[in-house]
Amino acid sequence: MIKPAKTEAELIAMARAELKAHADCPDGIAISVLRDGDSWEFRAQAGGATIAKPGYPECVAMLVQIGDHLCKQYDFEE
């Protein structure tokens, strides 16, 4: 089965939409896509003030789950 391909911007937009629907995340979280061979995953980065806010660890955990789910559905398009 061939998976449809999405760009980094499309994948990040999908992740942000799911995070907004399922979690109360603090502002200031940067999301990027990290490729690993034929696979990919999301990475979150934030400054110390954002990391210290309530809900940040839960948002990162949710982002990992979203990435696992989307990686099974979509390939990364260069």
Protein backbone atom coordinates (compact mmCIF):
# COMPACT_ATOMS: atom_id res chain seq x y z
CA MET A 1 0.00 0.00 0.00
CA ILE A 2 1.36 3.36 -1.02
CA LYS A 3 0.84 6.15 1.50
CA PRO A 4 0.12 9.67 0.27
CA ALA A 5 2.98 12.14 0.82
CA LYS A 6 2.69 15.40 2.75
CA THR A 7 5.13 18.28 3.06
CA GLU A 8 6.62 19.30 6.38
CA ALA A 9 4.29 22.31 6.50
CA GLU A 10 1.24 20.12 5.86
CA LEU A 11 2.24 17.61 8.54
CA ILE A 12 2.90 20.35 11.09
CA ALA A 13 -0.45 22.00 10.30
CA MET A 14 -2.20 18.66 10.85
CA ALA A 15 -0.37 18.16 14.16
CA ARG A 16 -1.25 21.67 15.35
CA ALA A 17 -4.91 21.13 14.48
CA GLU A 18 -5.01 17.86 16.44
CA LEU A 19 -3.17 19.41 19.40
CA LYS A 20 -5.65 22.30 19.45
CA ALA A 21 -8.58 19.88 19.44
CA HIS A 22 -7.24 17.53 22.13
CA ALA A 23 -4.92 19.48 24.44
CA ASP A 24 -4.54 22.87 26.07
CA CYS A 25 -0.99 23.63 24.93
CA PRO A 26 0.96 26.75 25.84
CA ASP A 27 1.97 29.13 23.05
CA GLY A 28 5.58 29.11 21.91
CA ILE A 29 6.04 25.47 20.95
CA ALA A 30 7.94 25.04 17.68
CA ILE A 31 7.26 21.79 15.83
CA SER A 32 9.57 20.29 13.22
CA VAL A 33 9.75 17.01 11.31
CA LEU A 34 12.78 14.78 11.76
CA ARG A 35 13.39 12.17 9.07
CA ASP A 36 14.83 8.79 9.94
CA GLY A 37 15.32 6.71 6.80
CA ASP A 38 11.90 5.97 5.36
CA SER A 39 10.19 7.10 8.54
CA TRP A 40 9.71 10.48 10.22
CA GLU A 41 8.64 11.92 13.57
CA PHE A 42 7.79 15.25 15.14
CA ARG A 43 10.14 17.21 17.38
CA ALA A 44 9.05 19.96 19.76
CA GLN A 45 11.22 22.85 20.88
CA ALA A 46 10.45 25.71 23.23
CA GLY A 47 12.11 28.26 25.43
CA GLY A 48 12.44 27.81 29.17
CA ALA A 49 9.40 29.95 29.97
CA THR A 50 7.17 27.84 27.71
CA ILE A 51 8.60 24.57 29.02
CA ALA A 52 7.79 25.69 32.58
CA LYS A 53 4.12 26.36 31.75
CA PRO A 54 1.42 23.90 32.83
CA GLY A 55 0.49 21.44 30.13
CA TYR A 56 3.80 21.50 28.22
CA PRO A 57 4.84 17.89 29.01
CA GLU A 58 1.36 16.64 28.13
CA CYS A 59 1.48 18.50 24.80
CA VAL A 60 4.83 16.97 23.90
CA ALA A 61 3.50 13.50 24.78
CA MET A 62 0.40 14.14 22.68
CA LEU A 63 2.60 15.35 19.79
CA VAL A 64 4.51 12.04 19.90
CA GLN A 65 1.24 10.11 19.73
CA ILE A 66 -0.02 12.27 16.85
CA GLY A 67 3.26 11.73 15.01
CA ASP A 68 3.04 7.96 15.47
CA HIS A 69 -0.49 8.01 14.08
CA LEU A 70 0.26 10.31 11.11
CA CYS A 71 3.49 8.50 10.21
CA LYS A 72 1.45 5.36 9.57
CA GLN A 73 -0.83 7.30 7.21
CA TYR A 74 1.54 9.65 5.35
CA ASP A 75 5.00 9.66 3.88
CA PHE A 76 7.23 12.72 4.10
CA GLU A 77 7.43 14.72 0.86
CA GLU A 78 10.67 16.57 0.16
